[in-house]
């Protein structure tokens, strides 16, 4: 299985991974994992493509991506695509622990997208929802919506699952009906 990125910055709460190819990344809200001990699981909450040189902005050339790749291929050597991951769980042997890992994933660890079975295990309870909601400096509502869609797709659109997660969100957002309604309407 080809990795989708490599960890370049790491903490126990979040990590940043650089994609192999400019402009390619796991999608927003995608569940990913590190190839490390312990295996660390998380959700992609931000994707950036920018210059490798701090403070430098890429120029606009008025060409399509295909034209740029053909006529100015060196431009892509000056760019990087990185994705930021909110850590939601880690593996301890075969058991998944829904808490922060004892250590952050090591730098240069490879990152892979989770398969449907892993997504089902990571989303079987509402722990991932609570992790998202309690996090700062991330687009909380949008990440809730995207991660629930991934979980729903992994379950082949199991209606009972989305109803159960909707009830969990209703308990969490019990004092904010408008927000709850907005999130749920955009999930289905």
N, C-alpha and C. Protein backbone atom coordinates (compact mmCIF):
# COMPACT_ATOMS: atom_id res chain seq x y z
N UNK A 1 0.84 -1.18 0.00
CA UNK A 1 0.00 0.00 0.00
C UNK A 1 0.89 1.25 0.00
N UNK A 2 0.63 2.14 -0.91
CA UNK A 2 1.41 3.38 -1.04
C UNK A 2 1.01 4.37 0.05
N UNK A 3 1.99 4.99 0.68
CA UNK A 3 1.67 5.97 1.71
C UNK A 3 1.22 7.28 1.07
N UNK A 4 0.42 8.06 1.82
CA UNK A 4 -0.11 9.32 1.31
C UNK A 4 0.66 10.52 1.86
N UNK A 5 1.55 10.27 2.81
CA UNK A 5 2.33 11.37 3.37
C UNK A 5 3.37 10.86 4.34
N UNK A 6 4.17 11.82 4.82
CA UNK A 6 5.24 11.53 5.78
C UNK A 6 5.19 12.59 6.86
N UNK A 7 5.20 12.17 8.11
CA UNK A 7 5.10 13.11 9.23
C UNK A 7 6.32 14.03 9.24
N UNK A 8 6.05 15.35 9.26
CA UNK A 8 7.13 16.34 9.29
C UNK A 8 7.06 17.22 10.54
N UNK A 9 5.97 17.14 11.27
CA UNK A 9 5.81 17.87 12.54
C UNK A 9 4.84 17.07 13.38
N UNK A 10 5.11 16.97 14.69
CA UNK A 10 4.32 16.04 15.49
C UNK A 10 4.18 16.49 16.93
N UNK A 11 2.99 16.29 17.46
CA UNK A 11 2.73 16.48 18.89
C UNK A 11 1.74 15.40 19.31
N UNK A 12 1.40 15.34 20.58
CA UNK A 12 0.46 14.31 21.02
C UNK A 12 -0.98 14.63 20.60
N UNK A 13 -1.27 15.86 20.18
CA UNK A 13 -2.63 16.27 19.82
C UNK A 13 -2.85 16.30 18.31
N UNK A 14 -1.84 16.75 17.55
CA UNK A 14 -1.95 16.86 16.10
C UNK A 14 -0.61 16.49 15.46
N UNK A 15 -0.66 16.18 14.17
CA UNK A 15 0.59 16.07 13.42
C UNK A 15 0.38 16.61 12.01
N UNK A 16 1.48 16.98 11.38
CA UNK A 16 1.46 17.48 10.01
C UNK A 16 2.26 16.50 9.16
N UNK A 17 1.69 16.15 8.01
CA UNK A 17 2.37 15.25 7.08
C UNK A 17 2.51 15.92 5.73
N UNK A 18 3.62 15.67 5.06
CA UNK A 18 3.85 16.19 3.72
C UNK A 18 3.49 15.11 2.71
N UNK A 19 2.73 15.50 1.71
CA UNK A 19 2.34 14.58 0.64
C UNK A 19 3.52 14.29 -0.26
N UNK A 20 3.49 13.16 -0.92
CA UNK A 20 4.54 12.80 -1.86
C UNK A 20 4.52 13.71 -3.08
N UNK A 21 3.32 14.05 -3.54
CA UNK A 21 3.17 14.83 -4.76
C UNK A 21 2.43 16.12 -4.46
N UNK A 22 2.87 17.20 -5.06
CA UNK A 22 2.23 18.50 -4.89
C UNK A 22 0.78 18.43 -5.37
N UNK A 23 -0.12 18.94 -4.54
CA UNK A 23 -1.54 18.98 -4.90
C UNK A 23 -2.29 17.70 -4.60
N UNK A 24 -1.61 16.69 -4.09
CA UNK A 24 -2.28 15.44 -3.74
C UNK A 24 -2.25 15.26 -2.24
N UNK A 25 -3.38 14.77 -1.71
CA UNK A 25 -3.52 14.62 -0.27
C UNK A 25 -4.75 13.77 0.01
N UNK A 26 -4.82 13.18 1.20
CA UNK A 26 -6.11 12.59 1.59
C UNK A 26 -7.13 13.73 1.70
N UNK A 27 -8.37 13.44 1.50
CA UNK A 27 -9.42 14.46 1.54
C UNK A 27 -9.67 14.98 2.95
N UNK A 28 -10.21 16.17 3.03
CA UNK A 28 -10.64 16.75 4.29
C UNK A 28 -11.62 15.78 4.96
N UNK A 29 -11.41 15.51 6.25
CA UNK A 29 -12.29 14.61 7.00
C UNK A 29 -11.95 13.14 6.87
N UNK A 30 -10.94 12.82 6.09
CA UNK A 30 -10.52 11.43 5.88
C UNK A 30 -9.83 10.90 7.14
N UNK A 31 -10.05 9.63 7.45
CA UNK A 31 -9.37 8.97 8.56
C UNK A 31 -8.03 8.44 8.06
N UNK A 32 -6.96 8.75 8.78
CA UNK A 32 -5.62 8.29 8.41
C UNK A 32 -4.96 7.65 9.62
N UNK A 33 -3.85 6.96 9.35
CA UNK A 33 -3.09 6.31 10.43
C UNK A 33 -1.60 6.41 10.12
N UNK A 34 -0.80 6.36 11.17
CA UNK A 34 0.64 6.34 11.01
C UNK A 34 1.13 4.90 11.04
N UNK A 35 2.26 4.67 10.41
CA UNK A 35 2.91 3.37 10.48
C UNK A 35 3.99 3.51 11.54
N UNK A 36 3.57 3.42 12.79
CA UNK A 36 4.49 3.63 13.92
C UNK A 36 4.03 2.76 15.08
N UNK A 37 4.81 2.76 16.13
CA UNK A 37 4.43 2.07 17.37
C UNK A 37 4.33 3.13 18.45
N UNK A 38 3.15 3.40 18.95
CA UNK A 38 1.88 2.81 18.53
C UNK A 38 1.38 3.42 17.22
N UNK A 39 0.48 2.69 16.56
CA UNK A 39 -0.22 3.24 15.40
C UNK A 39 -1.10 4.37 15.92
N UNK A 40 -1.04 5.52 15.28
CA UNK A 40 -1.83 6.68 15.69
C UNK A 40 -2.85 6.96 14.60
N UNK A 41 -4.11 7.18 15.01
CA UNK A 41 -5.21 7.44 14.08
C UNK A 41 -5.66 8.89 14.21
N UNK A 42 -6.12 9.44 13.10
CA UNK A 42 -6.61 10.81 13.16
C UNK A 42 -7.44 11.19 11.96
N UNK A 43 -7.86 12.45 11.96
CA UNK A 43 -8.71 13.02 10.91
C UNK A 43 -8.00 14.19 10.25
N UNK A 44 -7.99 14.21 8.93
CA UNK A 44 -7.42 15.34 8.19
C UNK A 44 -8.35 16.54 8.35
N UNK A 45 -7.80 17.64 8.90
CA UNK A 45 -8.64 18.82 9.12
C UNK A 45 -8.15 20.06 8.38
N UNK A 46 -7.01 19.99 7.73
CA UNK A 46 -6.55 21.11 6.91
C UNK A 46 -5.55 20.60 5.89
N UNK A 47 -5.62 21.18 4.68
CA UNK A 47 -4.72 20.80 3.59
C UNK A 47 -4.18 22.10 3.00
N UNK A 48 -2.86 22.18 2.86
CA UNK A 48 -2.22 23.39 2.34
C UNK A 48 -1.25 23.03 1.23
N UNK A 49 -1.26 23.82 0.15
CA UNK A 49 -0.22 23.76 -0.86
C UNK A 49 0.39 25.16 -0.89
N UNK A 50 1.71 25.20 -0.72
CA UNK A 50 2.39 26.50 -0.64
C UNK A 50 3.84 26.35 -1.05
N UNK A 51 4.54 27.47 -1.07
CA UNK A 51 5.96 27.47 -1.39
C UNK A 51 6.75 26.76 -0.29
N UNK A 52 7.82 26.10 -0.67
CA UNK A 52 8.71 25.50 0.32
C UNK A 52 9.49 26.56 1.08
N UNK A 53 9.64 27.73 0.47
CA UNK A 53 10.37 28.82 1.10
C UNK A 53 9.41 29.67 1.94
N UNK A 54 9.65 29.78 3.25
CA UNK A 54 8.76 30.56 4.10
C UNK A 54 8.65 32.01 3.62
N UNK A 55 7.43 32.54 3.59
CA UNK A 55 7.21 33.92 3.22
C UNK A 55 7.17 34.19 1.73
N UNK A 56 7.43 33.19 0.92
CA UNK A 56 7.42 33.39 -0.54
C UNK A 56 6.13 32.84 -1.13
N UNK A 57 5.47 33.62 -1.96
CA UNK A 57 4.23 33.21 -2.62
C UNK A 57 4.54 32.75 -4.04
N UNK A 58 3.88 31.69 -4.50
CA UNK A 58 4.04 31.26 -5.89
C UNK A 58 3.47 32.32 -6.84
N UNK A 59 4.01 32.41 -8.05
CA UNK A 59 3.51 33.32 -9.07
C UNK A 59 2.36 32.68 -9.83
N UNK A 60 1.47 33.51 -10.35
CA UNK A 60 0.40 33.04 -11.24
C UNK A 60 0.94 33.10 -12.67
N UNK A 61 0.77 32.03 -13.42
CA UNK A 61 1.31 31.97 -14.78
C UNK A 61 0.23 31.95 -15.86
N UNK A 62 -1.03 31.86 -15.48
CA UNK A 62 -2.10 31.85 -16.47
C UNK A 62 -2.12 30.59 -17.31
N UNK A 63 -1.67 29.48 -16.73
CA UNK A 63 -1.64 28.19 -17.44
C UNK A 63 -2.40 27.15 -16.62
N UNK A 64 -2.90 26.14 -17.30
CA UNK A 64 -3.52 25.02 -16.59
C UNK A 64 -2.43 24.20 -15.91
N UNK A 65 -2.83 23.34 -15.01
CA UNK A 65 -1.86 22.48 -14.33
C UNK A 65 -1.11 21.61 -15.34
N UNK A 66 -1.82 21.08 -16.33
CA UNK A 66 -1.16 20.24 -17.34
C UNK A 66 -0.14 21.04 -18.13
N UNK A 67 -0.50 22.29 -18.51
CA UNK A 67 0.45 23.14 -19.24
C UNK A 67 1.68 23.44 -18.39
N UNK A 68 1.46 23.74 -17.11
CA UNK A 68 2.58 24.01 -16.21
C UNK A 68 3.49 22.80 -16.08
N UNK A 69 2.90 21.64 -15.93
CA UNK A 69 3.71 20.41 -15.78
C UNK A 69 4.54 20.15 -17.05
N UNK A 70 3.98 20.49 -18.20
CA UNK A 70 4.67 20.25 -19.46
C UNK A 70 5.73 21.33 -19.74
N UNK A 71 5.37 22.60 -19.49
CA UNK A 71 6.25 23.70 -19.89
C UNK A 71 7.13 24.25 -18.76
N UNK A 72 6.71 24.07 -17.51
CA UNK A 72 7.47 24.62 -16.38
C UNK A 72 7.56 23.58 -15.24
N UNK A 73 8.03 22.38 -15.51
CA UNK A 73 7.98 21.32 -14.48
C UNK A 73 8.79 21.65 -13.22
N UNK A 74 9.78 22.51 -13.33
CA UNK A 74 10.61 22.86 -12.18
C UNK A 74 9.83 23.61 -11.10
N UNK A 75 8.71 24.24 -11.48
CA UNK A 75 7.90 24.99 -10.52
C UNK A 75 7.45 24.09 -9.37
N UNK A 76 7.12 22.85 -9.67
CA UNK A 76 6.58 21.94 -8.66
C UNK A 76 7.63 21.52 -7.64
N UNK A 77 8.89 21.68 -7.99
CA UNK A 77 9.95 21.39 -7.03
C UNK A 77 10.04 22.46 -5.94
N UNK A 78 9.41 23.61 -6.18
CA UNK A 78 9.44 24.72 -5.23
C UNK A 78 8.21 24.74 -4.32
N UNK A 79 7.30 23.80 -4.54
CA UNK A 79 6.04 23.76 -3.79
C UNK A 79 5.95 22.52 -2.91
N UNK A 80 5.07 22.59 -1.92
CA UNK A 80 4.80 21.44 -1.06
C UNK A 80 3.31 21.42 -0.73
N UNK A 81 2.78 20.22 -0.53
CA UNK A 81 1.42 20.04 -0.03
C UNK A 81 1.52 19.30 1.29
N UNK A 82 0.91 19.88 2.31
CA UNK A 82 0.89 19.26 3.63
C UNK A 82 -0.54 19.15 4.12
N UNK A 83 -0.77 18.15 4.96
CA UNK A 83 -2.09 18.02 5.58
C UNK A 83 -1.92 17.89 7.09
N UNK A 84 -2.84 18.52 7.80
CA UNK A 84 -2.83 18.53 9.26
C UNK A 84 -3.84 17.51 9.75
N UNK A 85 -3.45 16.77 10.80
CA UNK A 85 -4.27 15.67 11.30
C UNK A 85 -4.54 15.85 12.79
N UNK A 86 -5.81 15.79 13.16
CA UNK A 86 -6.24 15.78 14.55
C UNK A 86 -6.20 14.34 15.04
N UNK A 87 -5.43 14.07 16.07
CA UNK A 87 -5.30 12.71 16.59
C UNK A 87 -6.56 12.35 17.38
N UNK A 88 -7.15 11.19 17.06
CA UNK A 88 -8.39 10.76 17.72
C UNK A 88 -8.22 9.47 18.52
N UNK A 89 -7.18 8.68 18.22
CA UNK A 89 -7.01 7.39 18.90
C UNK A 89 -5.62 6.83 18.59
N UNK A 90 -5.30 5.76 19.28
CA UNK A 90 -4.07 5.02 18.97
C UNK A 90 -4.31 3.55 19.28
N UNK A 91 -3.46 2.70 18.74
CA UNK A 91 -3.60 1.26 18.94
C UNK A 91 -2.63 0.79 20.02
N UNK A 92 -3.16 -0.05 20.87
CA UNK A 92 -2.33 -0.71 21.88
C UNK A 92 -2.55 -2.20 21.65
N UNK A 93 -1.63 -2.80 20.90
CA UNK A 93 -1.85 -4.17 20.44
C UNK A 93 -3.01 -4.15 19.45
N UNK A 94 -4.01 -4.99 19.68
CA UNK A 94 -5.19 -5.03 18.82
C UNK A 94 -6.29 -4.07 19.29
N UNK A 95 -6.11 -3.52 20.49
CA UNK A 95 -7.14 -2.65 21.07
C UNK A 95 -6.92 -1.19 20.64
N UNK A 96 -8.01 -0.53 20.29
CA UNK A 96 -7.93 0.89 19.97
C UNK A 96 -8.29 1.68 21.22
N UNK A 97 -7.42 2.61 21.57
CA UNK A 97 -7.62 3.51 22.73
C UNK A 97 -8.07 4.86 22.21
N UNK A 98 -9.23 5.30 22.64
CA UNK A 98 -9.78 6.57 22.19
C UNK A 98 -9.32 7.70 23.09
N UNK A 99 -8.02 7.95 23.03
CA UNK A 99 -7.40 9.03 23.80
C UNK A 99 -6.11 9.41 23.09
N UNK A 100 -5.42 10.41 23.62
CA UNK A 100 -4.16 10.80 23.02
C UNK A 100 -3.11 9.73 23.25
N UNK A 101 -2.20 9.54 22.30
CA UNK A 101 -1.17 8.52 22.45
C UNK A 101 -0.16 8.92 23.52
N UNK A 102 0.54 7.95 24.10
CA UNK A 102 1.55 8.28 25.11
C UNK A 102 2.70 9.09 24.54
N UNK A 103 2.97 8.93 23.25
CA UNK A 103 4.02 9.67 22.55
C UNK A 103 3.50 10.09 21.18
N UNK A 104 3.96 11.23 20.66
CA UNK A 104 3.53 11.61 19.31
C UNK A 104 4.14 10.69 18.27
N UNK A 105 3.53 10.63 17.09
CA UNK A 105 4.15 9.82 16.03
C UNK A 105 5.52 10.38 15.67
N UNK A 106 6.50 9.52 15.47
CA UNK A 106 7.85 10.00 15.14
C UNK A 106 7.88 10.75 13.79
N UNK A 107 8.77 11.72 13.71
CA UNK A 107 9.02 12.42 12.44
C UNK A 107 9.47 11.38 11.41
N UNK A 108 9.08 11.56 10.17
CA UNK A 108 9.40 10.70 9.03
C UNK A 108 8.61 9.39 9.01
N UNK A 109 7.62 9.27 9.91
CA UNK A 109 6.73 8.11 9.86
C UNK A 109 5.79 8.26 8.67
N UNK A 110 5.53 7.17 7.97
CA UNK A 110 4.60 7.21 6.84
C UNK A 110 3.16 7.23 7.33
N UNK A 111 2.30 7.86 6.53
CA UNK A 111 0.87 7.99 6.83
C UNK A 111 0.09 7.31 5.70
N UNK A 112 -0.92 6.54 6.09
CA UNK A 112 -1.80 5.85 5.14
C UNK A 112 -3.24 6.22 5.43
N UNK A 113 -4.10 6.15 4.40
CA UNK A 113 -5.53 6.29 4.62
C UNK A 113 -6.04 5.01 5.29
N UNK A 114 -7.01 5.15 6.17
CA UNK A 114 -7.60 3.98 6.82
C UNK A 114 -8.56 3.28 5.85
N UNK A 115 -8.63 1.95 5.98
CA UNK A 115 -9.59 1.20 5.16
C UNK A 115 -10.96 1.22 5.85
N UNK A 116 -11.98 0.70 5.19
CA UNK A 116 -13.35 0.74 5.73
C UNK A 116 -13.48 0.04 7.08
N UNK A 117 -12.78 -1.09 7.26
CA UNK A 117 -12.86 -1.79 8.55
C UNK A 117 -12.29 -0.93 9.68
N UNK A 118 -11.18 -0.26 9.40
CA UNK A 118 -10.58 0.61 10.41
C UNK A 118 -11.49 1.80 10.71
N UNK A 119 -12.09 2.38 9.67
CA UNK A 119 -13.01 3.50 9.89
C UNK A 119 -14.19 3.05 10.75
N UNK A 120 -14.71 1.87 10.48
CA UNK A 120 -15.82 1.34 11.29
C UNK A 120 -15.41 1.21 12.75
N UNK A 121 -14.22 0.68 12.99
CA UNK A 121 -13.75 0.53 14.38
C UNK A 121 -13.55 1.89 15.05
N UNK A 122 -13.00 2.84 14.32
CA UNK A 122 -12.72 4.16 14.88
C UNK A 122 -13.98 4.98 15.14
N UNK A 123 -15.06 4.63 14.46
CA UNK A 123 -16.30 5.40 14.58
C UNK A 123 -17.44 4.61 15.19
N UNK A 124 -17.13 3.47 15.80
CA UNK A 124 -18.20 2.63 16.37
C UNK A 124 -18.90 3.32 17.54
N UNK A 125 -18.18 4.16 18.25
CA UNK A 125 -18.75 4.96 19.34
C UNK A 125 -18.59 6.43 18.99
N UNK A 126 -19.10 7.31 19.85
CA UNK A 126 -19.05 8.74 19.54
C UNK A 126 -17.78 9.44 20.03
N UNK A 127 -16.77 8.69 20.42
CA UNK A 127 -15.55 9.31 20.95
C UNK A 127 -14.92 10.28 19.95
N UNK A 128 -14.90 9.91 18.67
CA UNK A 128 -14.29 10.79 17.68
C UNK A 128 -15.05 12.10 17.57
N UNK A 129 -16.37 12.08 17.73
CA UNK A 129 -17.17 13.30 17.69
C UNK A 129 -16.78 14.22 18.86
N UNK A 130 -16.64 13.63 20.03
CA UNK A 130 -16.28 14.43 21.21
C UNK A 130 -14.88 15.02 21.07
N UNK A 131 -13.96 14.27 20.47
CA UNK A 131 -12.61 14.79 20.24
C UNK A 131 -12.66 16.00 19.32
N UNK A 132 -13.43 15.91 18.25
CA UNK A 132 -13.55 17.03 17.31
C UNK A 132 -14.14 18.25 18.02
N UNK A 133 -15.23 18.06 18.73
CA UNK A 133 -15.95 19.17 19.36
C UNK A 133 -15.10 19.85 20.43
N UNK A 134 -14.25 19.11 21.10
CA UNK A 134 -13.45 19.70 22.18
C UNK A 134 -12.13 20.30 21.68
N UNK A 135 -11.90 20.27 20.37
CA UNK A 135 -10.64 20.76 19.82
C UNK A 135 -10.73 22.24 19.45
N UNK A 136 -9.60 22.92 19.59
CA UNK A 136 -9.52 24.34 19.23
C UNK A 136 -8.83 24.52 17.89
N UNK A 137 -9.12 25.62 17.24
CA UNK A 137 -8.45 26.02 16.00
C UNK A 137 -8.62 25.04 14.84
N UNK A 138 -9.78 24.38 14.79
CA UNK A 138 -10.11 23.54 13.64
C UNK A 138 -11.54 23.89 13.22
N UNK A 139 -11.92 23.61 11.97
CA UNK A 139 -13.30 23.85 11.54
C UNK A 139 -14.22 22.73 12.06
N UNK A 140 -14.68 22.88 13.28
CA UNK A 140 -15.37 21.81 14.01
C UNK A 140 -16.58 21.27 13.25
N UNK A 141 -17.52 22.13 12.90
CA UNK A 141 -18.75 21.64 12.26
C UNK A 141 -18.46 20.95 10.94
N UNK A 142 -17.59 21.53 10.12
CA UNK A 142 -17.26 20.93 8.83
C UNK A 142 -16.56 19.57 9.01
N UNK A 143 -15.72 19.45 10.03
CA UNK A 143 -15.04 18.18 10.27
C UNK A 143 -16.02 17.13 10.79
N UNK A 144 -16.97 17.54 11.61
CA UNK A 144 -18.02 16.62 12.05
C UNK A 144 -18.76 16.05 10.83
N UNK A 145 -19.16 16.93 9.94
CA UNK A 145 -19.93 16.53 8.76
C UNK A 145 -19.12 15.58 7.88
N UNK A 146 -17.90 15.95 7.56
CA UNK A 146 -17.07 15.11 6.68
C UNK A 146 -16.74 13.77 7.30
N UNK A 147 -16.39 13.77 8.58
CA UNK A 147 -16.02 12.50 9.22
C UNK A 147 -17.24 11.58 9.34
N UNK A 148 -18.41 12.15 9.60
CA UNK A 148 -19.62 11.32 9.65
C UNK A 148 -19.95 10.75 8.27
N UNK A 149 -19.70 11.51 7.23
CA UNK A 149 -19.92 10.99 5.88
C UNK A 149 -18.97 9.83 5.58
N UNK A 150 -17.69 9.97 5.98
CA UNK A 150 -16.74 8.86 5.81
C UNK A 150 -17.20 7.63 6.58
N UNK A 151 -17.63 7.85 7.82
CA UNK A 151 -18.11 6.73 8.64
C UNK A 151 -19.33 6.08 8.01
N UNK A 152 -20.22 6.89 7.48
CA UNK A 152 -21.43 6.39 6.83
C UNK A 152 -21.08 5.61 5.57
N UNK A 153 -20.15 6.12 4.78
CA UNK A 153 -19.73 5.41 3.57
C UNK A 153 -19.08 4.07 3.89
N UNK A 154 -18.28 4.02 4.95
CA UNK A 154 -17.63 2.77 5.36
C UNK A 154 -18.66 1.72 5.75
N UNK A 155 -19.81 2.18 6.20
CA UNK A 155 -20.89 1.27 6.62
C UNK A 155 -21.93 1.05 5.52
N UNK A 156 -21.62 1.48 4.34
CA UNK A 156 -22.53 1.33 3.19
C UNK A 156 -23.90 1.96 3.49
N UNK A 157 -23.86 3.19 4.02
CA UNK A 157 -25.06 4.01 4.28
C UNK A 157 -26.04 3.37 5.27
N UNK A 158 -25.52 2.84 6.36
CA UNK A 158 -26.34 2.26 7.43
C UNK A 158 -27.10 3.38 8.16
N UNK A 159 -28.40 3.44 7.94
CA UNK A 159 -29.25 4.50 8.51
C UNK A 159 -29.25 4.46 10.03
N UNK A 160 -29.25 3.27 10.62
CA UNK A 160 -29.27 3.15 12.09
C UNK A 160 -28.03 3.80 12.70
N UNK A 161 -26.90 3.67 12.02
CA UNK A 161 -25.67 4.27 12.53
C UNK A 161 -25.80 5.79 12.59
N UNK A 162 -26.26 6.40 11.51
CA UNK A 162 -26.33 7.86 11.47
C UNK A 162 -27.37 8.37 12.47
N UNK A 163 -28.43 7.61 12.70
CA UNK A 163 -29.42 8.00 13.72
C UNK A 163 -28.77 7.96 15.10
N UNK A 164 -27.98 6.93 15.38
CA UNK A 164 -27.30 6.81 16.68
C UNK A 164 -26.31 7.95 16.89
N UNK A 165 -25.54 8.29 15.85
CA UNK A 165 -24.59 9.41 15.97
C UNK A 165 -25.34 10.74 16.09
N UNK A 166 -26.48 10.84 15.41
CA UNK A 166 -27.31 12.04 15.53
C UNK A 166 -27.80 12.23 16.96
N UNK A 167 -28.16 11.13 17.61
CA UNK A 167 -28.59 11.20 19.01
C UNK A 167 -27.44 11.62 19.92
N UNK A 168 -26.25 11.13 19.62
CA UNK A 168 -25.07 11.55 20.39
C UNK A 168 -24.84 13.04 20.24
N UNK A 169 -24.92 13.53 19.00
CA UNK A 169 -24.74 14.96 18.77
C UNK A 169 -25.83 15.78 19.46
N UNK A 170 -27.05 15.23 19.50
CA UNK A 170 -28.14 15.94 20.18
C UNK A 170 -27.84 16.10 21.67
N UNK A 171 -27.23 15.08 22.29
CA UNK A 171 -26.85 15.20 23.69
C UNK A 171 -25.73 16.22 23.87
N UNK A 172 -24.77 16.19 22.96
CA UNK A 172 -23.62 17.10 23.05
C UNK A 172 -24.06 18.55 22.81
N UNK A 173 -24.92 18.75 21.81
CA UNK A 173 -25.39 20.10 21.45
C UNK A 173 -26.76 20.41 22.05
N UNK A 174 -27.06 19.87 23.21
CA UNK A 174 -28.41 20.00 23.78
C UNK A 174 -28.86 21.45 23.95
N UNK A 175 -27.93 22.37 24.10
CA UNK A 175 -28.29 23.78 24.29
C UNK A 175 -28.12 24.60 23.01
N UNK A 176 -27.88 23.95 21.88
CA UNK A 176 -27.65 24.68 20.64
C UNK A 176 -28.35 23.96 19.48
N UNK A 177 -29.68 24.07 19.46
CA UNK A 177 -30.48 23.37 18.46
C UNK A 177 -30.12 23.81 17.04
N UNK A 178 -29.89 25.10 16.82
CA UNK A 178 -29.59 25.60 15.48
C UNK A 178 -28.32 24.95 14.92
N UNK A 179 -27.31 24.85 15.76
CA UNK A 179 -26.05 24.23 15.32
C UNK A 179 -26.25 22.75 15.03
N UNK A 180 -26.93 22.05 15.94
CA UNK A 180 -27.22 20.63 15.74
C UNK A 180 -27.97 20.42 14.43
N UNK A 181 -28.99 21.20 14.22
CA UNK A 181 -29.81 21.09 13.01
C UNK A 181 -28.96 21.33 11.76
N UNK A 182 -28.11 22.34 11.81
CA UNK A 182 -27.25 22.66 10.67
C UNK A 182 -26.32 21.51 10.34
N UNK A 183 -25.71 20.92 11.35
CA UNK A 183 -24.77 19.81 11.13
C UNK A 183 -25.52 18.60 10.56
N UNK A 184 -26.62 18.22 11.19
CA UNK A 184 -27.33 17.01 10.76
C UNK A 184 -27.91 17.15 9.35
N UNK A 185 -28.43 18.31 9.01
CA UNK A 185 -28.98 18.49 7.66
C UNK A 185 -27.90 18.35 6.59
N UNK A 186 -26.66 18.72 6.93
CA UNK A 186 -25.59 18.64 5.94
C UNK A 186 -24.92 17.26 5.88
N UNK A 187 -25.18 16.42 6.88
CA UNK A 187 -24.62 15.06 6.85
C UNK A 187 -25.40 14.19 5.88
N UNK A 188 -26.72 14.29 5.91
CA UNK A 188 -27.56 13.39 5.09
C UNK A 188 -27.86 13.95 3.73
